[in-house]
Amino acid sequence: MSDKNSNAWIWALTGLGVGLAAALLITPEKGEVMRERLKKKAGEKLDGLLESVEESLEEALDNALKSEKGEGDNGKG
């Protein structure tokens, strides 16, 4: 399953790069304006990504601790 996740990340980053390159090539804005806009958007996306990673790590840690204590999800909610 880790291969699937790795491939998904590679494709996502590739798509991001292609999208950024296309935006730079077809933008009618001045370079400085576009750089500021890209920096803002990249910061927003990075914040979202870091938040998702943090949530995933917390969930994984919680699951690992439950598993270690023998409190696995056995349907007894």
N, C-alpha and C. Protein backbone atom coordinates (compact mmCIF):
# COMPACT_ATOMS: atom_id res chain seq x y z
N MET A 1 0.82 -1.19 0.00
CA MET A 1 0.00 0.00 0.00
C MET A 1 0.86 1.25 0.00
N SER A 2 2.04 1.15 0.53
CA SER A 2 2.92 2.31 0.55
C SER A 2 3.36 2.70 -0.86
N ASP A 3 3.43 1.73 -1.77
CA ASP A 3 3.75 2.06 -3.16
C ASP A 3 2.65 2.92 -3.78
N LYS A 4 1.39 2.59 -3.47
CA LYS A 4 0.28 3.38 -3.99
C LYS A 4 0.36 4.81 -3.49
N ASN A 5 0.66 4.97 -2.19
CA ASN A 5 0.77 6.30 -1.61
C ASN A 5 1.93 7.07 -2.23
N SER A 6 3.04 6.39 -2.45
CA SER A 6 4.20 7.04 -3.06
C SER A 6 3.87 7.52 -4.47
N ASN A 7 3.22 6.66 -5.23
CA ASN A 7 2.85 7.03 -6.60
C ASN A 7 1.86 8.18 -6.60
N ALA A 8 0.94 8.18 -5.67
CA ALA A 8 -0.04 9.27 -5.60
C ALA A 8 0.66 10.59 -5.32
N TRP A 9 1.61 10.58 -4.41
CA TRP A 9 2.35 11.82 -4.10
C TRP A 9 3.16 12.29 -5.30
N ILE A 10 3.78 11.36 -5.98
CA ILE A 10 4.59 11.72 -7.16
C ILE A 10 3.70 12.36 -8.22
N TRP A 11 2.54 11.75 -8.48
CA TRP A 11 1.63 12.30 -9.49
C TRP A 11 1.06 13.64 -9.05
N ALA A 12 0.76 13.77 -7.76
CA ALA A 12 0.23 15.04 -7.26
C ALA A 12 1.27 16.16 -7.42
N LEU A 13 2.50 15.88 -7.06
CA LEU A 13 3.56 16.89 -7.19
C LEU A 13 3.86 17.20 -8.65
N THR A 14 3.80 16.18 -9.51
CA THR A 14 4.00 16.40 -10.94
C THR A 14 2.90 17.30 -11.49
N GLY A 15 1.66 17.01 -11.11
CA GLY A 15 0.54 17.84 -11.55
C GLY A 15 0.67 19.28 -11.07
N LEU A 16 1.10 19.44 -9.83
CA LEU A 16 1.32 20.77 -9.28
C LEU A 16 2.37 21.53 -10.09
N GLY A 17 3.46 20.85 -10.40
CA GLY A 17 4.52 21.48 -11.18
C GLY A 17 4.07 21.87 -12.58
N VAL A 18 3.34 20.99 -13.23
CA VAL A 18 2.84 21.28 -14.57
C VAL A 18 1.86 22.45 -14.52
N GLY A 19 1.00 22.45 -13.53
CA GLY A 19 0.03 23.54 -13.38
C GLY A 19 0.71 24.88 -13.15
N LEU A 20 1.72 24.89 -12.29
CA LEU A 20 2.46 26.12 -12.04
C LEU A 20 3.18 26.62 -13.29
N ALA A 21 3.78 25.70 -14.01
CA ALA A 21 4.48 26.08 -15.24
C ALA A 21 3.50 26.67 -16.25
N ALA A 22 2.35 26.03 -16.40
CA ALA A 22 1.35 26.54 -17.34
C ALA A 22 0.85 27.91 -16.91
N ALA A 23 0.64 28.09 -15.63
CA ALA A 23 0.18 29.39 -15.12
C ALA A 23 1.20 30.48 -15.41
N LEU A 24 2.46 30.16 -15.24
CA LEU A 24 3.51 31.15 -15.50
C LEU A 24 3.59 31.52 -16.97
N LEU A 25 3.34 30.55 -17.84
CA LEU A 25 3.45 30.80 -19.27
C LEU A 25 2.27 31.60 -19.83
N ILE A 26 1.09 31.43 -19.26
CA ILE A 26 -0.08 32.07 -19.86
C ILE A 26 -0.62 33.25 -19.06
N THR A 27 0.04 33.61 -17.99
CA THR A 27 -0.48 34.69 -17.15
C THR A 27 -0.32 36.07 -17.81
N PRO A 28 -1.34 36.91 -17.69
CA PRO A 28 -1.23 38.26 -18.24
C PRO A 28 -0.66 39.25 -17.20
N GLU A 29 -0.39 38.77 -15.99
CA GLU A 29 0.09 39.65 -14.93
C GLU A 29 1.59 39.89 -15.02
N LYS A 30 2.02 40.95 -14.37
CA LYS A 30 3.45 41.22 -14.27
C LYS A 30 4.10 40.15 -13.41
N GLY A 31 5.37 39.94 -13.61
CA GLY A 31 6.11 38.91 -12.87
C GLY A 31 6.04 39.07 -11.37
N GLU A 32 6.19 40.29 -10.88
CA GLU A 32 6.20 40.51 -9.43
C GLU A 32 4.83 40.17 -8.82
N VAL A 33 3.77 40.58 -9.49
CA VAL A 33 2.42 40.28 -9.01
C VAL A 33 2.19 38.78 -8.99
N MET A 34 2.60 38.13 -10.06
CA MET A 34 2.40 36.69 -10.16
C MET A 34 3.20 35.95 -9.10
N ARG A 35 4.43 36.37 -8.85
CA ARG A 35 5.25 35.72 -7.82
C ARG A 35 4.59 35.84 -6.44
N GLU A 36 4.06 37.01 -6.14
CA GLU A 36 3.39 37.21 -4.85
C GLU A 36 2.15 36.31 -4.76
N ARG A 37 1.41 36.25 -5.84
CA ARG A 37 0.21 35.42 -5.87
C ARG A 37 0.55 33.94 -5.70
N LEU A 38 1.58 33.50 -6.40
CA LEU A 38 2.00 32.11 -6.29
C LEU A 38 2.52 31.80 -4.89
N LYS A 39 3.26 32.74 -4.31
CA LYS A 39 3.79 32.54 -2.97
C LYS A 39 2.65 32.40 -1.96
N LYS A 40 1.62 33.22 -2.11
CA LYS A 40 0.47 33.16 -1.21
C LYS A 40 -0.25 31.82 -1.36
N LYS A 41 -0.52 31.44 -2.61
CA LYS A 41 -1.23 30.17 -2.86
C LYS A 41 -0.41 28.98 -2.38
N ALA A 42 0.89 29.01 -2.64
CA ALA A 42 1.75 27.90 -2.21
C ALA A 42 1.76 27.81 -0.69
N GLY A 43 1.78 28.94 -0.02
CA GLY A 43 1.73 28.95 1.44
C GLY A 43 0.44 28.35 1.96
N GLU A 44 -0.67 28.70 1.32
CA GLU A 44 -1.97 28.16 1.72
C GLU A 44 -2.00 26.65 1.54
N LYS A 45 -1.51 26.20 0.38
CA LYS A 45 -1.51 24.76 0.10
C LYS A 45 -0.58 24.02 1.06
N LEU A 46 0.57 24.60 1.34
CA LEU A 46 1.51 23.98 2.27
C LEU A 46 0.90 23.88 3.66
N ASP A 47 0.22 24.92 4.10
CA ASP A 47 -0.44 24.89 5.40
C ASP A 47 -1.47 23.75 5.46
N GLY A 48 -2.25 23.62 4.39
CA GLY A 48 -3.24 22.55 4.33
C GLY A 48 -2.59 21.17 4.34
N LEU A 49 -1.51 21.05 3.60
CA LEU A 49 -0.79 19.78 3.54
C LEU A 49 -0.22 19.42 4.91
N LEU A 50 0.40 20.39 5.56
CA LEU A 50 0.98 20.13 6.89
C LEU A 50 -0.10 19.76 7.89
N GLU A 51 -1.25 20.40 7.80
CA GLU A 51 -2.36 20.07 8.69
C GLU A 51 -2.83 18.64 8.46
N SER A 52 -2.94 18.24 7.20
CA SER A 52 -3.36 16.88 6.87
C SER A 52 -2.35 15.85 7.37
N VAL A 53 -1.07 16.16 7.20
CA VAL A 53 -0.03 15.25 7.67
C VAL A 53 -0.08 15.13 9.18
N GLU A 54 -0.25 16.25 9.86
CA GLU A 54 -0.32 16.24 11.32
C GLU A 54 -1.51 15.39 11.80
N GLU A 55 -2.67 15.57 11.17
CA GLU A 55 -3.85 14.78 11.54
C GLU A 55 -3.62 13.30 11.29
N SER A 56 -2.99 12.97 10.17
CA SER A 56 -2.72 11.57 9.85
C SER A 56 -1.75 10.95 10.86
N LEU A 57 -0.73 11.71 11.23
CA LEU A 57 0.23 11.20 12.21
C LEU A 57 -0.41 11.01 13.58
N GLU A 58 -1.26 11.95 13.98
CA GLU A 58 -1.95 11.81 15.26
C GLU A 58 -2.85 10.58 15.26
N GLU A 59 -3.57 10.37 14.16
CA GLU A 59 -4.44 9.21 14.06
C GLU A 59 -3.64 7.91 14.09
N ALA A 60 -2.52 7.89 13.37
CA ALA A 60 -1.67 6.70 13.36
C ALA A 60 -1.11 6.42 14.75
N LEU A 61 -0.70 7.47 15.45
CA LEU A 61 -0.17 7.31 16.80
C LEU A 61 -1.25 6.80 17.74
N ASP A 62 -2.45 7.37 17.65
CA ASP A 62 -3.56 6.90 18.48
C ASP A 62 -3.85 5.43 18.22
N ASN A 63 -3.89 5.05 16.94
CA ASN A 63 -4.15 3.65 16.59
C ASN A 63 -3.05 2.73 17.10
N ALA A 64 -1.81 3.19 17.01
CA ALA A 64 -0.69 2.38 17.48
C ALA A 64 -0.77 2.20 18.99
N LEU A 65 -1.11 3.26 19.70
CA LEU A 65 -1.22 3.16 21.16
C LEU A 65 -2.37 2.25 21.57
N LYS A 66 -3.50 2.36 20.87
CA LYS A 66 -4.64 1.48 21.16
C LYS A 66 -4.27 0.03 20.89
N SER A 67 -3.57 -0.20 19.79
CA SER A 67 -3.16 -1.55 19.42
C SER A 67 -2.21 -2.12 20.47
N GLU A 68 -1.30 -1.28 20.94
CA GLU A 68 -0.32 -1.71 21.94
C GLU A 68 -1.01 -2.10 23.24
N LYS A 69 -2.08 -1.37 23.58
CA LYS A 69 -2.81 -1.65 24.82
C LYS A 69 -3.83 -2.76 24.63
N GLY A 70 -4.00 -3.23 23.41
CA GLY A 70 -4.97 -4.27 23.15
C GLY A 70 -6.38 -3.73 23.00
N GLU A 71 -6.47 -2.45 22.66
CA GLU A 71 -7.77 -1.82 22.51
C GLU A 71 -8.12 -1.64 21.04
N GLY A 72 -7.70 -2.54 20.20
CA GLY A 72 -7.95 -2.42 18.77
C GLY A 72 -9.43 -2.27 18.47
N ASP A 73 -9.73 -1.79 17.30
CA ASP A 73 -11.11 -1.59 16.89
C ASP A 73 -11.76 -2.93 16.60
N ASN A 74 -12.41 -3.49 17.62
CA ASN A 74 -13.04 -4.79 17.45
C ASN A 74 -14.55 -4.69 17.38
N GLY A 75 -15.05 -3.50 17.03
CA GLY A 75 -16.47 -3.31 16.86
C GLY A 75 -17.21 -3.00 18.13
N LYS A 76 -16.50 -2.80 19.21
CA LYS A 76 -17.15 -2.49 20.48
C LYS A 76 -17.11 -1.02 20.82
N GLY A 77 -17.01 -0.14 19.80
CA GLY A 77 -17.02 1.31 19.86
C GLY A 77 -16.97 1.89 21.16
